[in-house]
Amino acid sequence: MAQLSRIVLSAAVLAMAASSAEAAAVAPPSAITSAGRISYCSDISGPPLGYFDENNTAVGSDIDIGTEIANRFGVKAEFKNTAFSAIIPSLQAKQCDAIISQLFDKPARREVVDFVDYMYSSEAFLVPKGNPKNIRGLDDLSGLKVAVENGTTIQSLIDEQNKKFKDAGKPEATAVVFPKDSDARQALQIGQVDAYGTTLESAAFFLKTAGQVFDVGGEPFNKIVAGIAVRKGETEVHDAIQKAFESMKADGTYKKILAKWGLEGDAIE
């Protein structure tokens, strides 16, 4: 009887291993296989990329893309809500395997992380309904207060614009910095600032869901590619994510996810 039990148990283990192998359409690094999950550092405060719904569940296009990569690895996806300003240090400290959080692929960041580029993005300003300060772009921010999330590209763009204002003898813009993107948007909603600088995707989301409160000030600007980031030199992790992403593009899953969130125009070919 004991021998029969061992045979049955061995057969079950073999079946589970076979099932796991079949589930893994893309072979992940051994550490991810052993853990049974891939963990992402994500700033889950910027819809429609990543945010918490009314059930406090993380949802959004980044969540869906990260989960689909995990599915193709045959493992679970884990998302660690991380302040954007701390997202690269958290990756470097090995608190996660990768970053998926609409992180712009910029030269300075390539010095410290490697990227799998996965979508385009642009910057935009959300303003009160009617755009009372007539904000059309960075040149119109002189003397105004703009809410931004700490560590974001829009924050650095305002810093650069302030140098131009100073050289021209104009009042500088005041960047009111918040730890979360949702806090920056709330500051605009309650009238603490004149504008909220964010990605085009987040601005469009709030225009769609709260168009009675907000307008977009001017045209989108600073179009750039965003990437899934991994630690510098971790080629095995990078290549596995790249392969999984390419398979998502090839079978149409990638565009279906973007279409679900109204982001078809951000697709990277």
Protein backbone atom coordinates (compact mmCIF):
# COMPACT_ATOMS: atom_id res chain seq x y z
CA MET A 1 0.00 0.00 0.00
CA ALA A 2 2.82 2.38 0.89
CA GLN A 3 4.53 1.60 -2.39
CA LEU A 4 1.30 2.31 -4.28
CA SER A 5 0.98 5.65 -2.46
CA ARG A 6 4.53 6.58 -3.47
CA ILE A 7 3.76 5.70 -7.08
CA VAL A 8 0.56 7.79 -7.04
CA LEU A 9 2.41 10.70 -5.40
CA SER A 10 5.25 10.47 -7.92
CA ALA A 11 2.75 10.44 -10.76
CA ALA A 12 1.03 13.52 -9.32
CA VAL A 13 4.33 15.37 -9.03
CA LEU A 14 5.23 14.48 -12.60
CA ALA A 15 1.78 15.62 -13.79
CA MET A 16 2.16 18.93 -11.96
CA ALA A 17 5.60 19.46 -13.47
CA ALA A 18 4.29 18.68 -16.93
CA SER A 19 1.35 21.03 -16.42
CA SER A 20 3.71 23.80 -15.26
CA ALA A 21 5.95 23.26 -18.30
CA GLU A 22 2.96 23.45 -20.62
CA ALA A 23 1.75 26.64 -18.92
CA ALA A 24 5.12 28.33 -19.36
CA ALA A 25 4.96 29.48 -22.97
CA VAL A 26 8.18 31.41 -22.28
CA ALA A 27 10.84 29.95 -19.99
CA PRO A 28 11.50 32.44 -17.16
CA PRO A 29 14.75 32.66 -15.19
CA SER A 30 15.16 29.88 -12.63
CA ALA A 31 14.76 32.26 -9.68
CA ILE A 32 11.33 33.32 -10.93
CA THR A 33 10.35 29.70 -11.56
CA SER A 34 11.45 28.73 -8.05
CA ALA A 35 9.54 31.63 -6.47
CA GLY A 36 6.44 30.81 -8.51
CA ARG A 37 5.93 34.50 -9.22
CA ILE A 38 7.36 37.59 -10.87
CA SER A 39 7.19 40.66 -8.65
CA TYR A 40 6.82 44.17 -10.06
CA CYS A 41 7.41 47.53 -8.43
CA SER A 42 4.52 49.71 -9.60
CA ASP A 43 3.21 53.12 -8.64
CA ILE A 44 -0.46 52.17 -8.48
CA SER A 45 -1.87 55.71 -8.39
CA GLY A 46 -2.14 56.73 -12.05
CA PRO A 47 -5.15 55.49 -14.02
CA PRO A 48 -5.63 54.00 -16.52
CA LEU A 49 -2.13 52.45 -16.23
CA GLY A 50 -2.41 51.32 -12.63
CA TYR A 51 -4.83 52.23 -9.86
CA PHE A 52 -7.04 50.73 -7.17
CA ASP A 53 -10.71 50.26 -8.06
CA GLU A 54 -13.68 50.54 -5.70
CA ASN A 55 -12.86 47.06 -4.34
CA ASN A 56 -9.27 48.10 -3.59
CA THR A 57 -8.07 45.80 -6.37
CA ALA A 58 -5.15 46.89 -8.55
CA VAL A 59 -6.34 47.35 -12.14
CA GLY A 60 -5.12 49.05 -15.31
CA SER A 61 -3.18 48.43 -18.49
CA ASP A 62 0.16 47.97 -16.68
CA ILE A 63 -1.46 45.47 -14.33
CA ASP A 64 -2.90 43.54 -17.28
CA ILE A 65 0.38 43.55 -19.22
CA GLY A 66 2.42 42.49 -16.18
CA THR A 67 -0.07 39.73 -15.40
CA GLU A 68 -0.02 38.45 -18.98
CA ILE A 69 3.79 38.25 -18.92
CA ALA A 70 3.53 36.22 -15.70
CA ASN A 71 0.95 33.94 -17.33
CA ARG A 72 3.35 33.24 -20.19
CA PHE A 73 6.04 32.41 -17.63
CA GLY A 74 3.63 30.01 -15.93
CA VAL A 75 3.86 31.94 -12.63
CA LYS A 76 1.81 34.44 -10.66
CA ALA A 77 2.17 38.23 -10.88
CA GLU A 78 2.80 40.25 -7.73
CA PHE A 79 2.53 44.05 -7.74
CA LYS A 80 4.24 46.02 -4.98
CA ASN A 81 2.78 49.50 -4.68
CA THR A 82 5.84 51.78 -4.70
CA ALA A 83 6.17 55.57 -4.69
CA PHE A 84 7.40 56.64 -8.13
CA SER A 85 10.38 58.52 -6.72
CA ALA A 86 11.52 55.29 -5.00
CA ILE A 87 10.76 52.89 -7.82
CA ILE A 88 14.26 52.49 -9.28
CA PRO A 89 15.99 52.33 -5.86
CA SER A 90 13.48 49.63 -4.86
CA LEU A 91 14.35 47.60 -7.95
CA GLN A 92 18.07 48.01 -7.27
CA ALA A 93 17.51 46.89 -3.68
CA LYS A 94 15.96 43.68 -5.08
CA GLN A 95 12.56 44.38 -3.62
CA CYS A 96 11.07 43.33 -6.97
CA ASP A 97 12.12 41.62 -10.20
CA ALA A 98 11.08 44.40 -12.57
CA ILE A 99 9.34 47.78 -12.80
CA ILE A 100 6.13 48.20 -14.77
CA SER A 101 4.86 51.71 -14.17
CA GLN A 102 5.04 53.72 -17.41
CA LEU A 103 8.69 54.46 -16.69
CA PHE A 104 10.03 56.62 -19.50
CA ASP A 105 13.04 55.17 -21.28
CA LYS A 106 15.45 58.11 -20.91
CA PRO A 107 19.26 58.14 -21.34
CA ALA A 108 19.90 58.90 -17.65
CA ARG A 109 17.78 55.93 -16.59
CA ARG A 110 19.54 53.62 -19.06
CA GLU A 111 22.66 54.21 -16.99
CA VAL A 112 21.14 52.25 -14.10
CA VAL A 113 18.45 49.94 -15.55
CA ASP A 114 17.77 48.00 -18.75
CA PHE A 115 14.47 48.45 -20.58
CA VAL A 116 11.97 46.38 -22.53
CA ASP A 117 10.08 49.15 -24.33
CA TYR A 118 6.34 48.48 -24.39
CA MET A 119 4.33 51.65 -25.14
CA TYR A 120 4.44 55.34 -26.03
CA SER A 121 3.34 58.19 -23.82
CA SER A 122 3.18 61.98 -23.82
CA GLU A 123 2.79 64.70 -21.21
CA ALA A 124 -0.29 66.88 -20.73
CA PHE A 125 -1.83 69.41 -18.37
CA LEU A 126 -5.18 68.88 -16.74
CA VAL A 127 -6.85 72.21 -15.85
CA PRO A 128 -10.16 73.34 -14.34
CA LYS A 129 -13.17 73.29 -16.64
CA GLY A 130 -12.99 76.17 -19.09
CA ASN A 131 -9.21 76.53 -18.66
CA PRO A 132 -9.47 79.90 -16.82
CA LYS A 133 -5.69 80.54 -16.89
CA ASN A 134 -5.53 79.72 -20.64
CA ILE A 135 -2.78 77.14 -20.21
CA ARG A 136 -1.68 75.72 -23.58
CA GLY A 137 1.79 74.48 -22.71
CA LEU A 138 4.90 74.95 -20.62
CA ASP A 139 5.33 78.56 -21.83
CA ASP A 140 2.05 79.53 -20.14
CA LEU A 141 3.01 78.42 -16.62
CA SER A 142 4.80 81.60 -15.51
CA GLY A 143 3.64 82.56 -12.01
CA LEU A 144 1.26 79.58 -11.74
CA LYS A 145 1.07 76.60 -9.38
CA VAL A 146 1.28 73.14 -10.96
CA ALA A 147 0.70 69.88 -9.09
CA VAL A 148 3.09 67.05 -10.01
CA GLU A 149 4.09 63.65 -8.66
CA ASN A 150 7.57 63.50 -7.18
CA GLY A 151 10.26 62.11 -9.50
CA THR A 152 8.24 62.36 -12.71
CA THR A 153 9.31 63.70 -16.07
CA ILE A 154 6.79 66.54 -15.93
CA GLN A 155 8.47 67.76 -12.73
CA SER A 156 11.85 67.95 -14.49
CA LEU A 157 10.29 69.66 -17.51
CA ILE A 158 8.87 72.39 -15.26
CA ASP A 159 12.30 72.80 -13.64
CA GLU A 160 13.81 73.28 -17.12
CA GLN A 161 11.07 75.73 -18.09
CA ASN A 162 11.74 77.77 -14.95
CA LYS A 163 15.30 78.36 -16.14
CA LYS A 164 13.84 79.91 -19.30
CA PHE A 165 11.45 82.06 -17.26
CA LYS A 166 14.32 83.25 -15.06
CA ASP A 167 16.48 84.15 -18.07
CA ALA A 168 13.54 86.07 -19.54
CA GLY A 169 12.86 87.92 -16.29
CA LYS A 170 9.48 86.25 -15.81
CA PRO A 171 8.04 84.78 -12.61
CA GLU A 172 8.78 81.08 -12.29
CA ALA A 173 6.15 78.37 -12.04
CA THR A 174 5.72 76.69 -8.66
CA ALA A 175 5.80 72.90 -8.88
CA VAL A 176 3.72 71.62 -5.96
CA VAL A 177 5.13 68.13 -5.45
CA PHE A 178 3.11 65.17 -4.13
CA PRO A 179 4.16 61.60 -3.32
CA LYS A 180 1.35 60.09 -5.42
CA ASP A 181 -0.18 61.04 -8.75
CA SER A 182 -3.68 60.76 -7.27
CA ASP A 183 -2.74 63.38 -4.64
CA ALA A 184 -1.59 65.78 -7.37
CA ARG A 185 -4.87 65.37 -9.23
CA GLN A 186 -6.84 65.91 -6.01
CA ALA A 187 -4.99 69.21 -5.45
CA LEU A 188 -6.33 70.48 -8.78
CA GLN A 189 -9.82 69.23 -8.05
CA ILE A 190 -10.04 71.17 -4.77
CA GLY A 191 -8.51 74.32 -6.25
CA GLN A 192 -5.10 74.32 -4.57
CA VAL A 193 -3.25 74.63 -7.89
CA ASP A 194 -3.82 76.04 -11.37
CA ALA A 195 -2.94 72.87 -13.26
CA TYR A 196 -1.97 69.24 -12.81
CA GLY A 197 0.91 67.91 -14.90
CA THR A 198 0.71 64.23 -15.75
CA THR A 199 0.84 61.79 -18.63
CA LEU A 200 -1.56 62.15 -21.53
CA GLU A 201 -3.08 58.79 -20.59
CA SER A 202 -4.02 59.89 -17.07
CA ALA A 203 -5.25 63.28 -18.30
CA ALA A 204 -7.45 61.60 -20.91
CA PHE A 205 -8.81 59.18 -18.30
CA PHE A 206 -9.94 61.98 -16.01
CA LEU A 207 -11.30 64.03 -18.90
CA LYS A 208 -13.44 61.02 -19.78
CA THR A 209 -14.55 60.24 -16.23
CA ALA A 210 -14.82 63.81 -14.88
CA GLY A 211 -15.21 66.02 -17.96
CA GLN A 212 -17.61 68.22 -16.06
CA VAL A 213 -14.74 69.22 -13.75
CA PHE A 214 -11.62 69.17 -15.94
CA ASP A 215 -10.26 70.17 -19.35
CA VAL A 216 -6.94 69.35 -20.99
CA GLY A 217 -4.79 72.47 -21.40
CA GLY A 218 -3.30 72.54 -24.89
CA GLU A 219 -1.87 69.72 -26.97
CA PRO A 220 0.12 66.72 -25.63
CA PHE A 221 3.90 67.17 -25.73
CA ASN A 222 7.20 65.37 -25.11
CA LYS A 223 6.20 62.05 -26.70
CA ILE A 224 8.51 59.30 -25.46
CA VAL A 225 8.66 55.53 -25.15
CA ALA A 226 8.07 53.82 -21.80
CA GLY A 227 9.67 50.56 -20.76
CA ILE A 228 9.54 47.69 -18.31
CA ALA A 229 12.77 48.05 -16.34
CA VAL A 230 15.05 45.36 -14.93
CA ARG A 231 18.30 45.61 -13.02
CA LYS A 232 21.29 46.56 -15.12
CA GLY A 233 22.98 43.52 -16.60
CA GLU A 234 20.29 40.98 -15.68
CA THR A 235 20.17 39.71 -19.24
CA GLU A 236 18.20 36.54 -18.49
CA VAL A 237 15.31 38.45 -16.91
CA HIS A 238 15.36 41.13 -19.62
CA ASP A 239 15.37 38.62 -22.48
CA ALA A 240 12.58 36.51 -20.97
CA ILE A 241 10.35 39.58 -20.52
CA GLN A 242 11.21 40.72 -24.05
CA LYS A 243 10.29 37.31 -25.46
CA ALA A 244 6.99 37.22 -23.55
CA PHE A 245 6.14 40.73 -24.72
CA GLU A 246 6.96 39.91 -28.35
CA SER A 247 4.67 36.88 -28.15
CA MET A 248 1.89 39.13 -26.80
CA LYS A 249 2.31 41.44 -29.78
CA ALA A 250 2.40 38.55 -32.23
CA ASP A 251 -0.88 36.97 -31.10
CA GLY A 252 -2.77 40.27 -30.64
CA THR A 253 -3.04 40.14 -26.84
CA TYR A 254 -1.02 43.32 -26.41
CA LYS A 255 -3.29 45.46 -28.59
CA LYS A 256 -6.39 43.94 -26.96
CA ILE A 257 -5.13 45.08 -23.55
CA LEU A 258 -4.43 48.61 -24.80
CA ALA A 259 -7.84 48.75 -26.52
CA LYS A 260 -9.53 47.68 -23.25
CA TRP A 261 -8.11 50.82 -21.61
CA GLY A 262 -8.52 53.19 -24.57
CA LEU A 263 -4.78 53.32 -25.26
CA GLU A 264 -4.61 51.96 -28.81
CA GLY A 265 -2.76 55.07 -29.97
CA ASP A 266 0.11 54.29 -27.58
CA ALA A 267 0.95 50.90 -29.12
CA ILE A 268 4.59 50.33 -29.96
CA GLU A 269 5.28 48.33 -33.10
